[in-house]
Amino acid sequence: MFTGGALLCAAIASVSDVHERRIPNRVTGPAIVAGLLLHLAVSGWHGLGDAALAGLIAGGMFMIFFLAGGMGAGDVKLMAAVGCIAGTSPLLLLTVSTAIAGGVFALAVSIQHGRLREMLRNAGAVLAHHGRWGLTPHPELNLASPRALRLPFALPIAAGCLVTLCTLAWEVRW
């Protein structure tokens, strides 16, 4: 079960993301390599391919949010690292759990700052913009905006890993 390693990686990245508001390459790069090598050592070339595919899928899914201006590159690299470590088997649960955790955390941050109504209105504007213009960032509602509420997304990634780990442990137990 490699999901514990993915959780450890996300937890380490969370500390940096909360304190420095960035996830350094010195965390994500070695984590990607470690995930690939771990799967190679345990399952041979098939394991390496599985880990690489999981990293590409996880990173690629979250790359969409980066291209749309709603997520930082470090978050995308962390998702790729978590994917490489976890492998393809738990990947659907991991990515869905992370996305749901991200939504819950975003709601909490907007409520904490008294901007829930504004956030919901902005979410509608962003969806309409992307529906019309594709993945181009909204001209005002993106991470570059000084008014943007910023969420250290390593926290929802860690939460998604934790939910996945607990779910898998529960399934094994029963």
N, C-alpha and C. Protein backbone atom coordinates (compact mmCIF):
# COMPACT_ATOMS: atom_id res chain seq x y z
N MET A 1 0.85 -1.17 0.00
CA MET A 1 0.00 0.00 0.00
C MET A 1 0.90 1.25 0.00
N PHE A 2 0.93 1.91 -1.14
CA PHE A 2 1.81 3.06 -1.33
C PHE A 2 1.14 4.38 -0.95
N THR A 3 -0.14 4.34 -0.62
CA THR A 3 -0.89 5.56 -0.34
C THR A 3 -0.36 6.26 0.91
N GLY A 4 0.18 5.51 1.86
CA GLY A 4 0.79 6.12 3.04
C GLY A 4 1.98 6.99 2.66
N GLY A 5 2.77 6.54 1.69
CA GLY A 5 3.88 7.34 1.20
C GLY A 5 3.40 8.61 0.51
N ALA A 6 2.29 8.49 -0.23
CA ALA A 6 1.72 9.67 -0.88
C ALA A 6 1.25 10.67 0.18
N LEU A 7 0.64 10.17 1.25
CA LEU A 7 0.20 11.04 2.34
C LEU A 7 1.40 11.73 2.99
N LEU A 8 2.47 10.99 3.23
CA LEU A 8 3.67 11.58 3.82
C LEU A 8 4.21 12.71 2.93
N CYS A 9 4.28 12.46 1.63
CA CYS A 9 4.76 13.47 0.69
C CYS A 9 3.87 14.72 0.75
N ALA A 10 2.55 14.53 0.73
CA ALA A 10 1.63 15.66 0.76
C ALA A 10 1.71 16.40 2.09
N ALA A 11 1.93 15.68 3.18
CA ALA A 11 2.05 16.32 4.49
C ALA A 11 3.29 17.20 4.55
N ILE A 12 4.40 16.70 4.02
CA ILE A 12 5.63 17.50 3.99
C ILE A 12 5.43 18.75 3.14
N ALA A 13 4.80 18.57 1.99
CA ALA A 13 4.53 19.72 1.11
C ALA A 13 3.57 20.70 1.77
N SER A 14 2.64 20.20 2.58
CA SER A 14 1.67 21.07 3.25
C SER A 14 2.36 22.04 4.20
N VAL A 15 3.37 21.57 4.90
CA VAL A 15 4.09 22.44 5.83
C VAL A 15 4.69 23.62 5.07
N SER A 16 5.34 23.32 3.96
CA SER A 16 5.94 24.38 3.15
C SER A 16 4.87 25.28 2.55
N ASP A 17 3.79 24.69 2.06
CA ASP A 17 2.74 25.48 1.41
C ASP A 17 2.07 26.43 2.38
N VAL A 18 1.85 25.99 3.61
CA VAL A 18 1.22 26.84 4.61
C VAL A 18 2.17 27.96 5.04
N HIS A 19 3.44 27.63 5.28
CA HIS A 19 4.38 28.62 5.80
C HIS A 19 4.97 29.53 4.73
N GLU A 20 5.28 28.98 3.57
CA GLU A 20 5.96 29.76 2.53
C GLU A 20 5.06 30.09 1.35
N ARG A 21 3.86 29.52 1.31
CA ARG A 21 2.92 29.70 0.21
C ARG A 21 3.47 29.19 -1.12
N ARG A 22 4.29 28.15 -1.03
CA ARG A 22 4.80 27.50 -2.22
C ARG A 22 5.21 26.07 -1.88
N ILE A 23 5.23 25.24 -2.92
CA ILE A 23 5.69 23.87 -2.77
C ILE A 23 6.97 23.75 -3.58
N PRO A 24 8.11 23.63 -2.91
CA PRO A 24 9.38 23.66 -3.64
C PRO A 24 9.65 22.38 -4.44
N ASN A 25 10.41 22.56 -5.51
CA ASN A 25 10.81 21.43 -6.35
C ASN A 25 11.64 20.42 -5.56
N ARG A 26 12.31 20.86 -4.50
CA ARG A 26 13.11 19.93 -3.70
C ARG A 26 12.24 18.93 -2.95
N VAL A 27 10.93 19.18 -2.89
CA VAL A 27 9.98 18.22 -2.33
C VAL A 27 9.40 17.36 -3.44
N THR A 28 8.89 18.00 -4.49
CA THR A 28 8.17 17.25 -5.52
C THR A 28 9.09 16.42 -6.42
N GLY A 29 10.24 16.96 -6.77
CA GLY A 29 11.16 16.23 -7.66
C GLY A 29 11.61 14.90 -7.07
N PRO A 30 12.20 14.91 -5.88
CA PRO A 30 12.61 13.63 -5.28
C PRO A 30 11.43 12.69 -5.01
N ALA A 31 10.25 13.26 -4.72
CA ALA A 31 9.09 12.41 -4.48
C ALA A 31 8.68 11.68 -5.76
N ILE A 32 8.74 12.36 -6.88
CA ILE A 32 8.42 11.71 -8.17
C ILE A 32 9.41 10.58 -8.43
N VAL A 33 10.69 10.88 -8.27
CA VAL A 33 11.73 9.87 -8.51
C VAL A 33 11.56 8.70 -7.54
N ALA A 34 11.31 8.99 -6.27
CA ALA A 34 11.14 7.94 -5.27
C ALA A 34 9.94 7.05 -5.60
N GLY A 35 8.83 7.66 -6.02
CA GLY A 35 7.66 6.88 -6.39
C GLY A 35 7.94 5.95 -7.56
N LEU A 36 8.62 6.48 -8.57
CA LEU A 36 8.95 5.66 -9.74
C LEU A 36 9.89 4.51 -9.36
N LEU A 37 10.93 4.82 -8.58
CA LEU A 37 11.91 3.79 -8.19
C LEU A 37 11.29 2.75 -7.24
N LEU A 38 10.43 3.19 -6.36
CA LEU A 38 9.77 2.27 -5.44
C LEU A 38 8.92 1.26 -6.21
N HIS A 39 8.14 1.75 -7.15
CA HIS A 39 7.31 0.84 -7.95
C HIS A 39 8.16 -0.06 -8.84
N LEU A 40 9.28 0.46 -9.34
CA LEU A 40 10.21 -0.37 -10.14
C LEU A 40 10.77 -1.49 -9.27
N ALA A 41 11.18 -1.15 -8.04
CA ALA A 41 11.78 -2.16 -7.14
C ALA A 41 10.77 -3.22 -6.74
N VAL A 42 9.53 -2.83 -6.52
CA VAL A 42 8.52 -3.77 -6.03
C VAL A 42 7.90 -4.59 -7.17
N SER A 43 7.63 -3.93 -8.30
CA SER A 43 6.88 -4.60 -9.38
C SER A 43 7.58 -4.60 -10.73
N GLY A 44 8.84 -4.22 -10.75
CA GLY A 44 9.58 -4.26 -12.01
C GLY A 44 9.12 -3.18 -12.98
N TRP A 45 9.36 -3.44 -14.27
CA TRP A 45 9.06 -2.46 -15.31
C TRP A 45 7.58 -2.14 -15.36
N HIS A 46 6.75 -3.14 -15.10
CA HIS A 46 5.30 -2.90 -15.08
C HIS A 46 4.95 -1.89 -13.98
N GLY A 47 5.57 -2.03 -12.83
CA GLY A 47 5.34 -1.10 -11.73
C GLY A 47 5.80 0.30 -12.06
N LEU A 48 6.95 0.39 -12.73
CA LEU A 48 7.46 1.70 -13.15
C LEU A 48 6.48 2.36 -14.12
N GLY A 49 5.99 1.59 -15.07
CA GLY A 49 5.02 2.13 -16.03
C GLY A 49 3.74 2.57 -15.35
N ASP A 50 3.29 1.78 -14.39
CA ASP A 50 2.09 2.10 -13.63
C ASP A 50 2.27 3.41 -12.86
N ALA A 51 3.39 3.56 -12.21
CA ALA A 51 3.67 4.78 -11.44
C ALA A 51 3.77 6.00 -12.36
N ALA A 52 4.44 5.83 -13.49
CA ALA A 52 4.57 6.94 -14.43
C ALA A 52 3.20 7.35 -14.98
N LEU A 53 2.39 6.37 -15.33
CA LEU A 53 1.04 6.66 -15.83
C LEU A 53 0.21 7.38 -14.76
N ALA A 54 0.29 6.91 -13.53
CA ALA A 54 -0.47 7.54 -12.44
C ALA A 54 -0.02 8.99 -12.24
N GLY A 55 1.29 9.24 -12.31
CA GLY A 55 1.78 10.61 -12.18
C GLY A 55 1.30 11.50 -13.32
N LEU A 56 1.32 10.96 -14.53
CA LEU A 56 0.85 11.74 -15.69
C LEU A 56 -0.64 12.03 -15.59
N ILE A 57 -1.42 11.05 -15.18
CA ILE A 57 -2.86 11.26 -15.06
C ILE A 57 -3.17 12.28 -13.96
N ALA A 58 -2.62 12.07 -12.77
CA ALA A 58 -2.91 12.97 -11.65
C ALA A 58 -2.42 14.39 -11.94
N GLY A 59 -1.19 14.49 -12.41
CA GLY A 59 -0.66 15.82 -12.74
C GLY A 59 -1.43 16.45 -13.89
N GLY A 60 -1.77 15.65 -14.90
CA GLY A 60 -2.50 16.17 -16.05
C GLY A 60 -3.89 16.66 -15.70
N MET A 61 -4.57 15.94 -14.82
CA MET A 61 -5.91 16.37 -14.41
C MET A 61 -5.85 17.74 -13.72
N PHE A 62 -4.86 17.93 -12.89
CA PHE A 62 -4.77 19.18 -12.15
C PHE A 62 -4.07 20.27 -12.96
N MET A 63 -3.39 19.89 -14.03
CA MET A 63 -2.79 20.87 -14.94
C MET A 63 -3.88 21.74 -15.58
N ILE A 64 -5.05 21.16 -15.75
CA ILE A 64 -6.17 21.92 -16.32
C ILE A 64 -6.46 23.15 -15.47
N PHE A 65 -6.45 22.98 -14.15
CA PHE A 65 -6.73 24.10 -13.25
C PHE A 65 -5.60 25.13 -13.30
N PHE A 66 -4.36 24.67 -13.47
CA PHE A 66 -3.23 25.58 -13.61
C PHE A 66 -3.37 26.42 -14.88
N LEU A 67 -3.68 25.76 -15.98
CA LEU A 67 -3.83 26.46 -17.25
C LEU A 67 -4.97 27.48 -17.21
N ALA A 68 -5.99 27.17 -16.43
CA ALA A 68 -7.14 28.06 -16.30
C ALA A 68 -6.87 29.20 -15.31
N GLY A 69 -5.70 29.22 -14.67
CA GLY A 69 -5.35 30.32 -13.76
C GLY A 69 -5.82 30.13 -12.33
N GLY A 70 -6.23 28.92 -11.98
CA GLY A 70 -6.78 28.71 -10.64
C GLY A 70 -5.94 27.88 -9.71
N MET A 71 -4.74 27.51 -10.12
CA MET A 71 -3.90 26.64 -9.30
C MET A 71 -2.43 26.92 -9.64
N GLY A 72 -1.57 26.78 -8.66
CA GLY A 72 -0.15 26.99 -8.87
C GLY A 72 0.53 25.75 -9.45
N ALA A 73 1.69 25.97 -10.04
CA ALA A 73 2.45 24.87 -10.65
C ALA A 73 2.93 23.88 -9.60
N GLY A 74 3.24 24.34 -8.40
CA GLY A 74 3.67 23.43 -7.35
C GLY A 74 2.59 22.44 -6.96
N ASP A 75 1.34 22.89 -6.99
CA ASP A 75 0.22 22.00 -6.70
C ASP A 75 0.12 20.90 -7.75
N VAL A 76 0.32 21.26 -8.99
CA VAL A 76 0.27 20.29 -10.09
C VAL A 76 1.41 19.28 -9.94
N LYS A 77 2.59 19.77 -9.64
CA LYS A 77 3.74 18.87 -9.46
C LYS A 77 3.54 17.97 -8.25
N LEU A 78 2.92 18.49 -7.20
CA LEU A 78 2.63 17.66 -6.03
C LEU A 78 1.64 16.56 -6.39
N MET A 79 0.62 16.88 -7.16
CA MET A 79 -0.34 15.84 -7.59
C MET A 79 0.36 14.79 -8.44
N ALA A 80 1.28 15.21 -9.30
CA ALA A 80 2.04 14.24 -10.09
C ALA A 80 2.87 13.34 -9.17
N ALA A 81 3.50 13.93 -8.17
CA ALA A 81 4.31 13.15 -7.22
C ALA A 81 3.45 12.17 -6.45
N VAL A 82 2.32 12.64 -5.96
CA VAL A 82 1.40 11.78 -5.20
C VAL A 82 0.92 10.64 -6.09
N GLY A 83 0.63 10.95 -7.35
CA GLY A 83 0.22 9.91 -8.29
C GLY A 83 1.32 8.88 -8.51
N CYS A 84 2.55 9.34 -8.70
CA CYS A 84 3.68 8.41 -8.89
C CYS A 84 3.86 7.50 -7.68
N ILE A 85 3.69 8.03 -6.50
CA ILE A 85 3.87 7.23 -5.29
C ILE A 85 2.71 6.26 -5.11
N ALA A 86 1.48 6.73 -5.29
CA ALA A 86 0.30 5.91 -5.03
C ALA A 86 0.08 4.85 -6.11
N GLY A 87 0.38 5.17 -7.35
CA GLY A 87 0.11 4.25 -8.46
C GLY A 87 -1.31 4.40 -8.97
N THR A 88 -1.66 3.62 -9.98
CA THR A 88 -2.96 3.78 -10.62
C THR A 88 -4.12 3.18 -9.83
N SER A 89 -3.87 2.18 -9.03
CA SER A 89 -4.96 1.47 -8.35
C SER A 89 -5.86 2.40 -7.52
N PRO A 90 -5.32 3.26 -6.65
CA PRO A 90 -6.20 4.12 -5.85
C PRO A 90 -6.42 5.50 -6.48
N LEU A 91 -6.00 5.70 -7.73
CA LEU A 91 -5.93 7.04 -8.30
C LEU A 91 -7.29 7.72 -8.44
N LEU A 92 -8.32 7.00 -8.85
CA LEU A 92 -9.63 7.62 -8.99
C LEU A 92 -10.12 8.13 -7.64
N LEU A 93 -10.06 7.30 -6.62
CA LEU A 93 -10.47 7.71 -5.28
C LEU A 93 -9.62 8.87 -4.78
N LEU A 94 -8.34 8.81 -5.03
CA LEU A 94 -7.42 9.86 -4.59
C LEU A 94 -7.73 11.21 -5.24
N THR A 95 -7.92 11.22 -6.54
CA THR A 95 -8.18 12.50 -7.24
C THR A 95 -9.56 13.06 -6.89
N VAL A 96 -10.56 12.19 -6.81
CA VAL A 96 -11.90 12.66 -6.46
C VAL A 96 -11.91 13.18 -5.02
N SER A 97 -11.28 12.46 -4.11
CA SER A 97 -11.21 12.90 -2.71
C SER A 97 -10.49 14.23 -2.60
N THR A 98 -9.42 14.39 -3.37
CA THR A 98 -8.68 15.65 -3.34
C THR A 98 -9.52 16.79 -3.88
N ALA A 99 -10.24 16.56 -4.97
CA ALA A 99 -11.09 17.61 -5.54
C ALA A 99 -12.20 18.01 -4.56
N ILE A 100 -12.82 17.03 -3.93
CA ILE A 100 -13.87 17.34 -2.95
C ILE A 100 -13.28 18.09 -1.77
N ALA A 101 -12.13 17.63 -1.28
CA ALA A 101 -11.48 18.34 -0.17
C ALA A 101 -11.14 19.77 -0.57
N GLY A 102 -10.69 19.96 -1.80
CA GLY A 102 -10.38 21.31 -2.28
C GLY A 102 -11.60 22.21 -2.25
N GLY A 103 -12.75 21.68 -2.66
CA GLY A 103 -13.99 22.45 -2.61
C GLY A 103 -14.39 22.79 -1.19
N VAL A 104 -14.28 21.83 -0.29
CA VAL A 104 -14.63 22.06 1.12
C VAL A 104 -13.69 23.10 1.73
N PHE A 105 -12.39 22.96 1.47
CA PHE A 105 -11.42 23.93 2.00
C PHE A 105 -11.70 25.33 1.43
N ALA A 106 -12.03 25.41 0.14
CA ALA A 106 -12.31 26.71 -0.48
C ALA A 106 -13.54 27.36 0.16
N LEU A 107 -14.56 26.57 0.41
CA LEU A 107 -15.74 27.10 1.10
C LEU A 107 -15.37 27.61 2.49
N ALA A 108 -14.57 26.83 3.21
CA ALA A 108 -14.16 27.23 4.56
C ALA A 108 -13.36 28.54 4.54
N VAL A 109 -12.45 28.67 3.60
CA VAL A 109 -11.64 29.89 3.51
C VAL A 109 -12.51 31.09 3.17
N SER A 110 -13.46 30.90 2.25
CA SER A 110 -14.32 32.03 1.88
C SER A 110 -15.24 32.42 3.04
N ILE A 111 -15.73 31.45 3.79
CA ILE A 111 -16.56 31.75 4.96
C ILE A 111 -15.72 32.45 6.03
N GLN A 112 -14.50 31.96 6.24
CA GLN A 112 -13.60 32.56 7.24
C GLN A 112 -13.35 34.04 6.93
N HIS A 113 -13.26 34.39 5.66
CA HIS A 113 -12.98 35.76 5.26
C HIS A 113 -14.26 36.56 4.99
N GLY A 114 -15.43 35.97 5.26
CA GLY A 114 -16.69 36.66 5.04
C GLY A 114 -16.98 36.94 3.58
N ARG A 115 -16.52 36.08 2.70
CA ARG A 115 -16.66 36.32 1.25
C ARG A 115 -17.34 35.15 0.53
N LEU A 116 -18.20 34.42 1.23
CA LEU A 116 -18.86 33.27 0.60
C LEU A 116 -19.72 33.69 -0.58
N ARG A 117 -20.55 34.69 -0.40
CA ARG A 117 -21.42 35.15 -1.49
C ARG A 117 -20.59 35.59 -2.69
N GLU A 118 -19.54 36.34 -2.43
CA GLU A 118 -18.65 36.80 -3.51
C GLU A 118 -17.99 35.62 -4.20
N MET A 119 -17.56 34.62 -3.42
CA MET A 119 -16.90 33.45 -4.00
C MET A 119 -17.86 32.68 -4.91
N LEU A 120 -19.10 32.52 -4.47
CA LEU A 120 -20.07 31.81 -5.28
C LEU A 120 -20.38 32.57 -6.57
N ARG A 121 -20.52 33.88 -6.47
CA ARG A 121 -20.74 34.73 -7.64
C ARG A 121 -19.55 34.64 -8.60
N ASN A 122 -18.34 34.70 -8.04
CA ASN A 122 -17.13 34.61 -8.86
C ASN A 122 -17.01 33.24 -9.52
N ALA A 123 -17.38 32.18 -8.81
CA ALA A 123 -17.32 30.84 -9.39
C ALA A 123 -18.21 30.76 -10.63
N GLY A 124 -19.40 31.35 -10.55
CA GLY A 124 -20.29 31.39 -11.71
C GLY A 124 -19.68 32.18 -12.86
N ALA A 125 -19.05 33.31 -12.54
CA ALA A 125 -18.41 34.13 -13.58
C ALA A 125 -17.25 33.39 -14.23
N VAL A 126 -16.47 32.67 -13.43
CA VAL A 126 -15.34 31.92 -13.96
C VAL A 126 -15.82 30.77 -14.85
N LEU A 127 -16.85 30.06 -14.40
CA LEU A 127 -17.39 28.97 -15.23
C LEU A 127 -17.93 29.50 -16.56
N ALA A 128 -18.63 30.63 -16.52
CA ALA A 128 -19.13 31.23 -17.76
C ALA A 128 -17.97 31.65 -18.67
N HIS A 129 -16.94 32.23 -18.08
CA HIS A 129 -15.76 32.63 -18.86
C HIS A 129 -15.13 31.42 -19.54
N HIS A 130 -14.91 30.35 -18.78
CA HIS A 130 -14.26 29.17 -19.36
C HIS A 130 -15.17 28.48 -20.37
N GLY A 131 -16.46 28.55 -20.17
CA GLY A 131 -17.39 28.01 -21.16
C GLY A 131 -17.29 28.74 -22.48
N ARG A 132 -16.99 30.01 -22.43
CA ARG A 132 -16.89 30.81 -23.65
C ARG A 132 -15.48 30.85 -24.24
N TRP A 133 -14.46 30.93 -23.37
CA TRP A 133 -13.09 31.15 -23.83
C TRP A 133 -12.15 29.96 -23.60
N GLY A 134 -12.65 28.87 -23.11
CA GLY A 134 -11.80 27.70 -22.87
C GLY A 134 -10.95 27.87 -21.62
N LEU A 135 -9.75 27.35 -21.68
CA LEU A 135 -8.88 27.34 -20.49
C LEU A 135 -8.12 28.64 -20.25
N THR A 136 -8.37 29.67 -21.03
CA THR A 136 -7.67 30.92 -20.77
C THR A 136 -8.09 31.48 -19.42
N PRO A 137 -7.13 31.95 -18.63
CA PRO A 137 -7.49 32.49 -17.32
C PRO A 137 -8.44 33.68 -17.43
N HIS A 138 -9.34 33.78 -16.49
CA HIS A 138 -10.25 34.93 -16.41
C HIS A 138 -9.37 36.17 -16.23
N PRO A 139 -9.68 37.27 -16.89
CA PRO A 139 -8.80 38.45 -16.80
C PRO A 139 -8.68 39.04 -15.40
N GLU A 140 -9.69 38.85 -14.54
CA GLU A 140 -9.63 39.43 -13.20
C GLU A 140 -9.66 38.38 -12.10
N LEU A 141 -10.32 37.26 -12.34
CA LEU A 141 -10.52 36.26 -11.30
C LEU A 141 -9.55 35.10 -11.51
N ASN A 142 -8.31 35.31 -11.08
CA ASN A 142 -7.27 34.29 -11.19
C ASN A 142 -6.28 34.49 -10.05
N LEU A 143 -5.32 33.60 -9.96
CA LEU A 143 -4.36 33.67 -8.84
C LEU A 143 -3.50 34.92 -8.85
N ALA A 144 -3.36 35.54 -10.01
CA ALA A 144 -2.54 36.75 -10.09
C ALA A 144 -3.25 37.96 -9.48
N SER A 145 -4.55 37.88 -9.30
CA SER A 145 -5.32 38.99 -8.75
C SER A 145 -4.95 39.22 -7.29
N PRO A 146 -4.71 40.48 -6.92
CA PRO A 146 -4.37 40.75 -5.51
C PRO A 146 -5.54 40.48 -4.55
N ARG A 147 -6.77 40.46 -5.05
CA ARG A 147 -7.94 40.19 -4.20
C ARG A 147 -8.25 38.71 -4.06
N ALA A 148 -7.54 37.87 -4.79
CA ALA A 148 -7.84 36.43 -4.77
C ALA A 148 -7.55 35.84 -3.39
N LEU A 149 -8.49 35.03 -2.92
CA LEU A 149 -8.22 34.26 -1.71
C LEU A 149 -7.36 33.07 -2.11
N ARG A 150 -6.29 32.87 -1.39
CA ARG A 150 -5.37 31.79 -1.75
C ARG A 150 -5.47 30.66 -0.74
N LEU A 151 -5.56 29.47 -1.28
CA LEU A 151 -5.66 28.27 -0.47
C LEU A 151 -4.40 27.45 -0.68
N PRO A 152 -3.66 27.14 0.40
CA PRO A 152 -2.51 26.25 0.24
C PRO A 152 -3.02 24.85 -0.13
N PHE A 153 -3.05 24.56 -1.44
CA PHE A 153 -3.74 23.37 -1.94
C PHE A 153 -3.06 22.07 -1.55
N ALA A 154 -1.86 22.14 -1.01
CA ALA A 154 -1.25 20.90 -0.51
C ALA A 154 -2.09 20.30 0.62
N LEU A 155 -2.82 21.15 1.34
CA LEU A 155 -3.68 20.64 2.42
C LEU A 155 -4.82 19.76 1.88
N PRO A 156 -5.58 20.20 0.87
CA PRO A 156 -6.58 19.30 0.30
C PRO A 156 -5.96 18.06 -0.35
N ILE A 157 -4.78 18.18 -0.91
CA ILE A 157 -4.12 17.00 -1.47
C ILE A 157 -3.81 16.00 -0.36
N ALA A 158 -3.30 16.50 0.76
CA ALA A 158 -3.04 15.62 1.90
C ALA A 158 -4.34 15.02 2.43
N ALA A 159 -5.40 15.82 2.47
CA ALA A 159 -6.70 15.30 2.93
C ALA A 159 -7.20 14.21 1.98
N GLY A 160 -7.02 14.41 0.67
CA GLY A 160 -7.42 13.38 -0.30
C GLY A 160 -6.63 12.10 -0.11
N CYS A 161 -5.34 12.24 0.19
CA CYS A 161 -4.51 11.05 0.47
C CYS A 161 -4.98 10.35 1.73
N LEU A 162 -5.31 11.14 2.76
CA LEU A 162 -5.76 10.55 4.02
C LEU A 162 -7.09 9.81 3.84
N VAL A 163 -8.02 10.41 3.13
CA VAL A 163 -9.31 9.75 2.87
C VAL A 163 -9.08 8.46 2.10
N THR A 164 -8.21 8.50 1.11
CA THR A 164 -7.91 7.31 0.32
C THR A 164 -7.28 6.23 1.18
N LEU A 165 -6.30 6.60 1.99
CA LEU A 165 -5.64 5.64 2.87
C LEU A 165 -6.64 5.00 3.84
N CYS A 166 -7.49 5.81 4.44
CA CYS A 166 -8.49 5.28 5.39
C CYS A 166 -9.50 4.38 4.69
N THR A 167 -9.91 4.77 3.50
CA THR A 167 -10.87 3.96 2.75
C THR A 167 -10.27 2.61 2.38
N LEU A 168 -9.05 2.62 1.91
CA LEU A 168 -8.37 1.37 1.54
C LEU A 168 -8.15 0.49 2.77
N ALA A 169 -7.78 1.09 3.89
CA ALA A 169 -7.60 0.32 5.13
C ALA A 169 -8.92 -0.27 5.59
N TRP A 170 -9.99 0.48 5.45
CA TRP A 170 -11.31 -0.01 5.83
C TRP A 170 -11.73 -1.20 4.96
N GLU A 171 -11.46 -1.10 3.65
CA GLU A 171 -11.79 -2.20 2.74
C GLU A 171 -11.01 -3.47 3.06
N VAL A 172 -9.75 -3.31 3.42
CA VAL A 172 -8.92 -4.47 3.77
C VAL A 172 -9.45 -5.12 5.05
N ARG A 173 -9.86 -4.28 5.97
CA ARG A 173 -10.34 -4.78 7.26
C ARG A 173 -11.62 -5.60 7.09
N TRP A 174 -12.47 -5.20 6.18
CA TRP A 174 -13.74 -5.90 5.99
C TRP A 174 -13.59 -6.84 4.84
